Amino acid sequence: MKPHEMREMTLDELTVHIDSLVDELANLQIKLRTKQLANPLRVRVLRREIAKARTVVREKQLGAKPGQTLNQATGANAASTDASAGR
């Protein structure tokens, strides 16, 4: 699922989606360890999918708007990033 599709979901829907992905990942990891998994790449894809979904949840919690970075949503000070870049 693409991030823009996830952004259209509610927080409750995202939570259910993440829970199902985590359950699927747990099952795949068991199969991977018992050498029953046909496509081990699916584990990496699922981990990334979970990370994308959790990022969208965090954006929603912070009130980020589409196209806005998390730093912009939290009001992170641009001067502090400029100061750390000049080290």
PDB file of N, CA and C in Angstrom:
ATOM      1  N   MET A   1       0.849  -1.170   0.000  1.00  0.00           N
ATOM      2  CA  MET A   1       0.000   0.000   0.000  1.00  0.00           C
ATOM      3  C   MET A   1       0.899   1.239   0.000  1.00  0.00           C
ATOM      4  N   LYS A   2       0.533   2.204  -0.802  1.00  0.00           N
ATOM      5  CA  LYS A   2       1.302   3.440  -0.929  1.00  0.00           C
ATOM      6  C   LYS A   2       1.007   4.368   0.253  1.00  0.00           C
ATOM      7  N   PRO A   3       1.994   5.204   0.622  1.00  0.00           N
ATOM      8  CA  PRO A   3       1.763   6.133   1.741  1.00  0.00           C
ATOM      9  C   PRO A   3       0.576   7.064   1.514  1.00  0.00           C
ATOM     10  N   HIS A   4       0.363   7.519   0.284  1.00  0.00           N
ATOM     11  CA  HIS A   4      -0.771   8.423   0.052  1.00  0.00           C
ATOM     12  C   HIS A   4      -2.099   7.705   0.277  1.00  0.00           C
ATOM     13  N   GLU A   5      -2.131   6.397   0.045  1.00  0.00           N
ATOM     14  CA  GLU A   5      -3.346   5.625   0.329  1.00  0.00           C
ATOM     15  C   GLU A   5      -3.549   5.499   1.837  1.00  0.00           C
ATOM     16  N   MET A   6      -2.443   5.340   2.571  1.00  0.00           N
ATOM     17  CA  MET A   6      -2.523   5.228   4.029  1.00  0.00           C
ATOM     18  C   MET A   6      -2.972   6.544   4.654  1.00  0.00           C
ATOM     19  N   ARG A   7      -2.558   7.654   4.055  1.00  0.00           N
ATOM     20  CA  ARG A   7      -2.921   8.965   4.602  1.00  0.00           C
ATOM     21  C   ARG A   7      -4.425   9.213   4.514  1.00  0.00           C
ATOM     22  N   GLU A   8      -5.090   8.513   3.622  1.00  0.00           N
ATOM     23  CA  GLU A   8      -6.541   8.657   3.485  1.00  0.00           C
ATOM     24  C   GLU A   8      -7.298   7.827   4.521  1.00  0.00           C
ATOM     25  N   MET A   9      -6.599   6.921   5.201  1.00  0.00           N
ATOM     26  CA  MET A   9      -7.223   6.069   6.204  1.00  0.00           C
ATOM     27  C   MET A   9      -7.309   6.809   7.539  1.00  0.00           C
ATOM     28  N   THR A  10      -8.227   6.360   8.390  1.00  0.00           N
ATOM     29  CA  THR A  10      -8.320   6.925   9.740  1.00  0.00           C
ATOM     30  C   THR A  10      -7.264   6.266  10.626  1.00  0.00           C
ATOM     31  N   LEU A  11      -7.047   6.834  11.804  1.00  0.00           N
ATOM     32  CA  LEU A  11      -6.081   6.262  12.741  1.00  0.00           C
ATOM     33  C   LEU A  11      -6.473   4.846  13.156  1.00  0.00           C
ATOM     34  N   ASP A  12      -7.778   4.616  13.344  1.00  0.00           N
ATOM     35  CA  ASP A  12      -8.238   3.275  13.728  1.00  0.00           C
ATOM     36  C   ASP A  12      -7.967   2.267  12.615  1.00  0.00           C
ATOM     37  N   GLU A  13      -8.228   2.665  11.383  1.00  0.00           N
ATOM     38  CA  GLU A  13      -7.962   1.776  10.244  1.00  0.00           C
ATOM     39  C   GLU A  13      -6.479   1.492  10.111  1.00  0.00           C
ATOM     40  N   LEU A  14      -5.649   2.517  10.324  1.00  0.00           N
ATOM     41  CA  LEU A  14      -4.205   2.323  10.254  1.00  0.00           C
ATOM     42  C   LEU A  14      -3.713   1.378  11.350  1.00  0.00           C
ATOM     43  N   THR A  15      -4.283   1.524  12.530  1.00  0.00           N
ATOM     44  CA  THR A  15      -3.893   0.655  13.640  1.00  0.00           C
ATOM     45  C   THR A  15      -4.226  -0.800  13.335  1.00  0.00           C
ATOM     46  N   VAL A  16      -5.393  -1.028  12.787  1.00  0.00           N
ATOM     47  CA  VAL A  16      -5.790  -2.390  12.401  1.00  0.00           C
ATOM     48  C   VAL A  16      -4.865  -2.907  11.305  1.00  0.00           C
ATOM     49  N   HIS A  17      -4.535  -2.048  10.351  1.00  0.00           N
ATOM     50  CA  HIS A  17      -3.646  -2.428   9.248  1.00  0.00           C
ATOM     51  C   HIS A  17      -2.259  -2.798   9.781  1.00  0.00           C
ATOM     52  N   ILE A  18      -1.732  -1.995  10.693  1.00  0.00           N
ATOM     53  CA  ILE A  18      -0.412  -2.271  11.281  1.00  0.00           C
ATOM     54  C   ILE A  18      -0.449  -3.576  12.060  1.00  0.00           C
ATOM     55  N   ASP A  19      -1.507  -3.795  12.832  1.00  0.00           N
ATOM     56  CA  ASP A  19      -1.620  -5.031  13.612  1.00  0.00           C
ATOM     57  C   ASP A  19      -1.618  -6.261  12.704  1.00  0.00           C
ATOM     58  N   SER A  20      -2.331  -6.175  11.582  1.00  0.00           N
ATOM     59  CA  SER A  20      -2.358  -7.318  10.666  1.00  0.00           C
ATOM     60  C   SER A  20      -0.994  -7.535  10.022  1.00  0.00           C
ATOM     61  N   LEU A  21      -0.288  -6.447   9.711  1.00  0.00           N
ATOM     62  CA  LEU A  21       1.051  -6.573   9.127  1.00  0.00           C
ATOM     63  C   LEU A  21       2.026  -7.182  10.126  1.00  0.00           C
ATOM     64  N   VAL A  22       1.931  -6.764  11.386  1.00  0.00           N
ATOM     65  CA  VAL A  22       2.815  -7.309  12.424  1.00  0.00           C
ATOM     66  C   VAL A  22       2.548  -8.795  12.620  1.00  0.00           C
ATOM     67  N   ASP A  23       1.280  -9.190  12.612  1.00  0.00           N
ATOM     68  CA  ASP A  23       0.943 -10.613  12.739  1.00  0.00           C
ATOM     69  C   ASP A  23       1.505 -11.413  11.564  1.00  0.00           C
ATOM     70  N   GLU A  24       1.349 -10.866  10.359  1.00  0.00           N
ATOM     71  CA  GLU A  24       1.879 -11.542   9.174  1.00  0.00           C
ATOM     72  C   GLU A  24       3.398 -11.655   9.248  1.00  0.00           C
ATOM     73  N   LEU A  25       4.053 -10.591   9.724  1.00  0.00           N
ATOM     74  CA  LEU A  25       5.511 -10.615   9.855  1.00  0.00           C
ATOM     75  C   LEU A  25       5.952 -11.683  10.852  1.00  0.00           C
ATOM     76  N   ALA A  26       5.248 -11.801  11.963  1.00  0.00           N
ATOM     77  CA  ALA A  26       5.585 -12.821  12.961  1.00  0.00           C
ATOM     78  C   ALA A  26       5.468 -14.219  12.359  1.00  0.00           C
ATOM     79  N   ASN A  27       4.411 -14.450  11.602  1.00  0.00           N
ATOM     80  CA  ASN A  27       4.235 -15.758  10.967  1.00  0.00           C
ATOM     81  C   ASN A  27       5.334 -16.031   9.947  1.00  0.00           C
ATOM     82  N   LEU A  28       5.691 -15.011   9.179  1.00  0.00           N
ATOM     83  CA  LEU A  28       6.750 -15.189   8.178  1.00  0.00           C
ATOM     84  C   LEU A  28       8.098 -15.450   8.832  1.00  0.00           C
ATOM     85  N   GLN A  29       8.364 -14.789   9.953  1.00  0.00           N
ATOM     86  CA  GLN A  29       9.638 -15.002  10.635  1.00  0.00           C
ATOM     87  C   GLN A  29       9.742 -16.419  11.189  1.00  0.00           C
ATOM     88  N   ILE A  30       8.632 -16.969  11.638  1.00  0.00           N
ATOM     89  CA  ILE A  30       8.628 -18.356  12.108  1.00  0.00           C
ATOM     90  C   ILE A  30       8.922 -19.287  10.932  1.00  0.00           C
ATOM     91  N   LYS A  31       8.253 -19.047   9.807  1.00  0.00           N
ATOM     92  CA  LYS A  31       8.488 -19.877   8.622  1.00  0.00           C
ATOM     93  C   LYS A  31       9.914 -19.728   8.114  1.00  0.00           C
ATOM     94  N   LEU A  32      10.466 -18.529   8.219  1.00  0.00           N
ATOM     95  CA  LEU A  32      11.836 -18.296   7.774  1.00  0.00           C
ATOM     96  C   LEU A  32      12.822 -19.109   8.611  1.00  0.00           C
ATOM     97  N   ARG A  33      12.593 -19.127   9.910  1.00  0.00           N
ATOM     98  CA  ARG A  33      13.506 -19.850  10.803  1.00  0.00           C
ATOM     99  C   ARG A  33      13.379 -21.364  10.661  1.00  0.00           C
ATOM    100  N   THR A  34      12.219 -21.836  10.219  1.00  0.00           N
ATOM    101  CA  THR A  34      12.039 -23.278  10.032  1.00  0.00           C
ATOM    102  C   THR A  34      12.249 -23.688   8.574  1.00  0.00           C
ATOM    103  N   LYS A  35      12.781 -22.749   7.774  1.00  0.00           N
ATOM    104  CA  LYS A  35      13.116 -23.001   6.358  1.00  0.00           C
ATOM    105  C   LYS A  35      11.897 -23.384   5.520  1.00  0.00           C
ATOM    106  N   GLN A  36      10.727 -22.841   5.866  1.00  0.00           N
ATOM    107  CA  GLN A  36       9.512 -23.130   5.112  1.00  0.00           C
ATOM    108  C   GLN A  36       9.045 -21.944   4.281  1.00  0.00           C
ATOM    109  N   LEU A  37       9.817 -20.865   4.301  1.00  0.00           N
ATOM    110  CA  LEU A  37       9.407 -19.657   3.602  1.00  0.00           C
ATOM    111  C   LEU A  37       9.950 -19.669   2.180  1.00  0.00           C
ATOM    112  N   ALA A  38       9.047 -19.567   1.212  1.00  0.00           N
ATOM    113  CA  ALA A  38       9.432 -19.609  -0.196  1.00  0.00           C
ATOM    114  C   ALA A  38      10.068 -18.294  -0.647  1.00  0.00           C
ATOM    115  N   ASN A  39       9.607 -17.161  -0.096  1.00  0.00           N
ATOM    116  CA  ASN A  39      10.099 -15.860  -0.526  1.00  0.00           C
ATOM    117  C   ASN A  39      10.595 -15.063   0.684  1.00  0.00           C
ATOM    118  N   PRO A  40      11.873 -15.193   1.045  1.00  0.00           N
ATOM    119  CA  PRO A  40      12.390 -14.484   2.222  1.00  0.00           C
ATOM    120  C   PRO A  40      12.397 -12.962   2.059  1.00  0.00           C
ATOM    121  N   LEU A  41      12.349 -12.489   0.829  1.00  0.00           N
ATOM    122  CA  LEU A  41      12.313 -11.049   0.587  1.00  0.00           C
ATOM    123  C   LEU A  41      11.039 -10.426   1.138  1.00  0.00           C
ATOM    124  N   ARG A  42      10.011 -11.204   1.288  1.00  0.00           N
ATOM    125  CA  ARG A  42       8.723 -10.706   1.803  1.00  0.00           C
ATOM    126  C   ARG A  42       8.882 -10.156   3.222  1.00  0.00           C
ATOM    127  N   VAL A  43       9.824 -10.693   4.006  1.00  0.00           N
ATOM    128  CA  VAL A  43      10.050 -10.216   5.373  1.00  0.00           C
ATOM    129  C   VAL A  43      10.512  -8.758   5.328  1.00  0.00           C
ATOM    130  N   ARG A  44      11.459  -8.451   4.451  1.00  0.00           N
ATOM    131  CA  ARG A  44      11.963  -7.090   4.330  1.00  0.00           C
ATOM    132  C   ARG A  44      10.856  -6.140   3.846  1.00  0.00           C
ATOM    133  N   VAL A  45      10.077  -6.597   2.875  1.00  0.00           N
ATOM    134  CA  VAL A  45       8.998  -5.775   2.340  1.00  0.00           C
ATOM    135  C   VAL A  45       7.979  -5.462   3.439  1.00  0.00           C
ATOM    136  N   LEU A  46       7.655  -6.440   4.252  1.00  0.00           N
ATOM    137  CA  LEU A  46       6.694  -6.231   5.340  1.00  0.00           C
ATOM    138  C   LEU A  46       7.233  -5.271   6.389  1.00  0.00           C
ATOM    139  N   ARG A  47       8.518  -5.395   6.737  1.00  0.00           N
ATOM    140  CA  ARG A  47       9.102  -4.472   7.712  1.00  0.00           C
ATOM    141  C   ARG A  47       9.024  -3.032   7.216  1.00  0.00           C
ATOM    142  N   ARG A  48       9.280  -2.845   5.945  1.00  0.00           N
ATOM    143  CA  ARG A  48       9.209  -1.503   5.364  1.00  0.00           C
ATOM    144  C   ARG A  48       7.771  -0.998   5.321  1.00  0.00           C
ATOM    145  N   GLU A  49       6.843  -1.880   5.031  1.00  0.00           N
ATOM    146  CA  GLU A  49       5.430  -1.511   5.003  1.00  0.00           C
ATOM    147  C   GLU A  49       4.965  -1.072   6.394  1.00  0.00           C
ATOM    148  N   ILE A  50       5.408  -1.786   7.422  1.00  0.00           N
ATOM    149  CA  ILE A  50       5.070  -1.428   8.799  1.00  0.00           C
ATOM    150  C   ILE A  50       5.658  -0.061   9.143  1.00  0.00           C
ATOM    151  N   ALA A  51       6.892   0.176   8.735  1.00  0.00           N
ATOM    152  CA  ALA A  51       7.532   1.468   9.001  1.00  0.00           C
ATOM    153  C   ALA A  51       6.789   2.610   8.314  1.00  0.00           C
ATOM    154  N   LYS A  52       6.364   2.396   7.081  1.00  0.00           N
ATOM    155  CA  LYS A  52       5.601   3.426   6.362  1.00  0.00           C
ATOM    156  C   LYS A  52       4.298   3.734   7.096  1.00  0.00           C
ATOM    157  N   ALA A  53       3.603   2.683   7.515  1.00  0.00           N
ATOM    158  CA  ALA A  53       2.324   2.875   8.199  1.00  0.00           C
ATOM    159  C   ALA A  53       2.518   3.590   9.526  1.00  0.00           C
ATOM    160  N   ARG A  54       3.555   3.229  10.269  1.00  0.00           N
ATOM    161  CA  ARG A  54       3.812   3.896  11.548  1.00  0.00           C
ATOM    162  C   ARG A  54       4.202   5.356  11.340  1.00  0.00           C
ATOM    163  N   THR A  55       4.901   5.647  10.253  1.00  0.00           N
ATOM    164  CA  THR A  55       5.247   7.030   9.932  1.00  0.00           C
ATOM    165  C   THR A  55       3.996   7.847   9.648  1.00  0.00           C
ATOM    166  N   VAL A  56       3.071   7.277   8.907  1.00  0.00           N
ATOM    167  CA  VAL A  56       1.818   7.978   8.602  1.00  0.00           C
ATOM    168  C   VAL A  56       1.021   8.214   9.876  1.00  0.00           C
ATOM    169  N   VAL A  57       1.004   7.235  10.781  1.00  0.00           N
ATOM    170  CA  VAL A  57       0.310   7.405  12.061  1.00  0.00           C
ATOM    171  C   VAL A  57       0.938   8.567  12.825  1.00  0.00           C
ATOM    172  N   ARG A  58       2.259   8.615  12.848  1.00  0.00           N
ATOM    173  CA  ARG A  58       2.952   9.692  13.575  1.00  0.00           C
ATOM    174  C   ARG A  58       2.662  11.050  12.936  1.00  0.00           C
ATOM    175  N   GLU A  59       2.637  11.098  11.621  1.00  0.00           N
ATOM    176  CA  GLU A  59       2.290  12.340  10.929  1.00  0.00           C
ATOM    177  C   GLU A  59       0.898  12.818  11.334  1.00  0.00           C
ATOM    178  N   LYS A  60      -0.034  11.873  11.402  1.00  0.00           N
ATOM    179  CA  LYS A  60      -1.402  12.227  11.784  1.00  0.00           C
ATOM    180  C   LYS A  60      -1.452  12.716  13.227  1.00  0.00           C
ATOM    181  N   GLN A  61      -0.680  12.087  14.105  1.00  0.00           N
ATOM    182  CA  GLN A  61      -0.662  12.496  15.501  1.00  0.00           C
ATOM    183  C   GLN A  61      -0.100  13.908  15.658  1.00  0.00           C
ATOM    184  N   LEU A  62       0.880  14.240  14.831  1.00  0.00           N
ATOM    185  CA  LEU A  62       1.504  15.559  14.904  1.00  0.00           C
ATOM    186  C   LEU A  62       0.759  16.605  14.094  1.00  0.00           C
ATOM    187  N   GLY A  63      -0.181  16.170  13.298  1.00  0.00           N
ATOM    188  CA  GLY A  63      -0.965  17.096  12.500  1.00  0.00           C
ATOM    189  C   GLY A  63      -0.264  17.560  11.239  1.00  0.00           C
ATOM    190  N   ALA A  64       0.624  16.739  10.701  1.00  0.00           N
ATOM    191  CA  ALA A  64       1.323  17.100   9.464  1.00  0.00           C
ATOM    192  C   ALA A  64       0.337  17.111   8.306  1.00  0.00           C
ATOM    193  N   LYS A  65       0.532  18.070   7.432  1.00  0.00           N
ATOM    194  CA  LYS A  65      -0.303  18.162   6.242  1.00  0.00           C
ATOM    195  C   LYS A  65       0.430  17.517   5.075  1.00  0.00           C
ATOM    196  N   PRO A  66      -0.282  17.087   4.021  1.00  0.00           N
ATOM    197  CA  PRO A  66       0.374  16.463   2.876  1.00  0.00           C
ATOM    198  C   PRO A  66       1.474  17.357   2.313  1.00  0.00           C
ATOM    199  N   GLY A  67       2.633  16.780   2.088  1.00  0.00           N
ATOM    200  CA  GLY A  67       3.765  17.511   1.541  1.00  0.00           C
ATOM    201  C   GLY A  67       4.594  18.208   2.599  1.00  0.00           C
ATOM    202  N   GLN A  68       4.195  18.108   3.854  1.00  0.00           N
ATOM    203  CA  GLN A  68       4.900  18.765   4.941  1.00  0.00           C
ATOM    204  C   GLN A  68       5.767  17.729   5.651  1.00  0.00           C
ATOM    205  N   THR A  69       7.007  18.098   5.979  1.00  0.00           N
ATOM    206  CA  THR A  69       7.876  17.172   6.692  1.00  0.00           C
ATOM    207  C   THR A  69       7.510  17.148   8.164  1.00  0.00           C
ATOM    208  N   LEU A  70       7.988  16.143   8.879  1.00  0.00           N
ATOM    209  CA  LEU A  70       7.690  16.054  10.302  1.00  0.00           C
ATOM    210  C   LEU A  70       8.325  17.203  11.068  1.00  0.00           C
ATOM    211  N   ASN A  71       9.513  17.679  10.629  1.00  0.00           N
ATOM    212  CA  ASN A  71      10.138  18.817  11.300  1.00  0.00           C
ATOM    213  C   ASN A  71       9.271  20.057  11.166  1.00  0.00           C
ATOM    214  N   GLN A  72       8.678  20.253  10.016  1.00  0.00           N
ATOM    215  CA  GLN A  72       7.810  21.412   9.814  1.00  0.00           C
ATOM    216  C   GLN A  72       6.547  21.279  10.662  1.00  0.00           C
ATOM    217  N   ALA A  73       6.041  20.072  10.800  1.00  0.00           N
ATOM    218  CA  ALA A  73       4.812  19.854  11.559  1.00  0.00           C
ATOM    219  C   ALA A  73       5.032  20.087  13.047  1.00  0.00           C
ATOM    220  N   THR A  74       6.214  19.733  13.550  1.00  0.00           N
ATOM    221  CA  THR A  74       6.490  19.887  14.980  1.00  0.00           C
ATOM    222  C   THR A  74       6.990  21.276  15.308  1.00  0.00           C
ATOM    223  N   GLY A  75       7.284  22.079  14.280  1.00  0.00           N
ATOM    224  CA  GLY A  75       7.771  23.433  14.513  1.00  0.00           C
ATOM    225  C   GLY A  75       9.228  23.458  14.908  1.00  0.00           C
ATOM    226  N   ALA A  76       9.998  22.473  14.444  1.00  0.00           N
ATOM    227  CA  ALA A  76      11.419  22.428  14.758  1.00  0.00           C
ATOM    228  C   ALA A  76      12.079  23.701  14.246  1.00  0.00           C
ATOM    229  N   ASN A  77      12.967  24.232  15.056  1.00  0.00           N
ATOM    230  CA  ASN A  77      13.609  25.500  14.748  1.00  0.00           C
ATOM    231  C   ASN A  77      14.651  25.311  13.655  1.00  0.00           C
ATOM    232  N   ALA A  78      14.548  26.056  12.569  1.00  0.00           N
ATOM    233  CA  ALA A  78      15.491  25.967  11.470  1.00  0.00           C
ATOM    234  C   ALA A  78      16.868  26.447  11.893  1.00  0.00           C
ATOM    235  N   ALA A  79      16.935  27.364  12.852  1.00  0.00           N
ATOM    236  CA  ALA A  79      18.229  27.875  13.307  1.00  0.00           C
ATOM    237  C   ALA A  79      19.036  26.781  13.993  1.00  0.00           C
ATOM    238  N   SER A  80      18.363  25.888  14.690  1.00  0.00           N
ATOM    239  CA  SER A  80      19.100  24.821  15.375  1.00  0.00           C
ATOM    240  C   SER A  80      19.688  23.843  14.368  1.00  0.00           C
ATOM    241  N   THR A  81      19.011  23.618  13.252  1.00  0.00           N
ATOM    242  CA  THR A  81      19.568  22.741  12.231  1.00  0.00           C
ATOM    243  C   THR A  81      20.699  23.425  11.502  1.00  0.00           C
ATOM    244  N   ASP A  82      20.610  24.740  11.330  1.00  0.00           N
ATOM    245  CA  ASP A  82      21.708  25.485  10.700  1.00  0.00           C
ATOM    246  C   ASP A  82      22.944  25.482  11.578  1.00  0.00           C
ATOM    247  N   ALA A  83      22.760  25.627  12.873  1.00  0.00           N
ATOM    248  CA  ALA A  83      23.878  25.650  13.796  1.00  0.00           C
ATOM    249  C   ALA A  83      24.588  24.305  13.858  1.00  0.00           C
ATOM    250  N   SER A  84      23.806  23.210  13.811  1.00  0.00           N
ATOM    251  CA  SER A  84      24.419  21.889  13.874  1.00  0.00           C
ATOM    252  C   SER A  84      25.118  21.529  12.560  1.00  0.00           C
ATOM    253  N   ALA A  85      24.700  22.132  11.460  1.00  0.00           N
ATOM    254  CA  ALA A  85      25.330  21.866  10.175  1.00  0.00           C
ATOM    255  C   ALA A  85      26.685  22.538  10.067  1.00  0.00           C
ATOM    256  N   GLY A  86      26.921  23.590  10.831  1.00  0.00           N
ATOM    257  CA  GLY A  86      28.167  24.336  10.740  1.00  0.00           C
ATOM    258  C   GLY A  86      29.290  23.796  11.600  1.00  0.00           C
ATOM    259  N   ARG A  87      29.098  22.652  12.221  1.00  0.00           N
ATOM    260  CA  ARG A  87      30.123  22.081  13.099  1.00  0.00           C
ATOM    261  C   ARG A  87      31.395  21.808  12.391  1.00  0.00           C
TER     262      ARG A  87
END
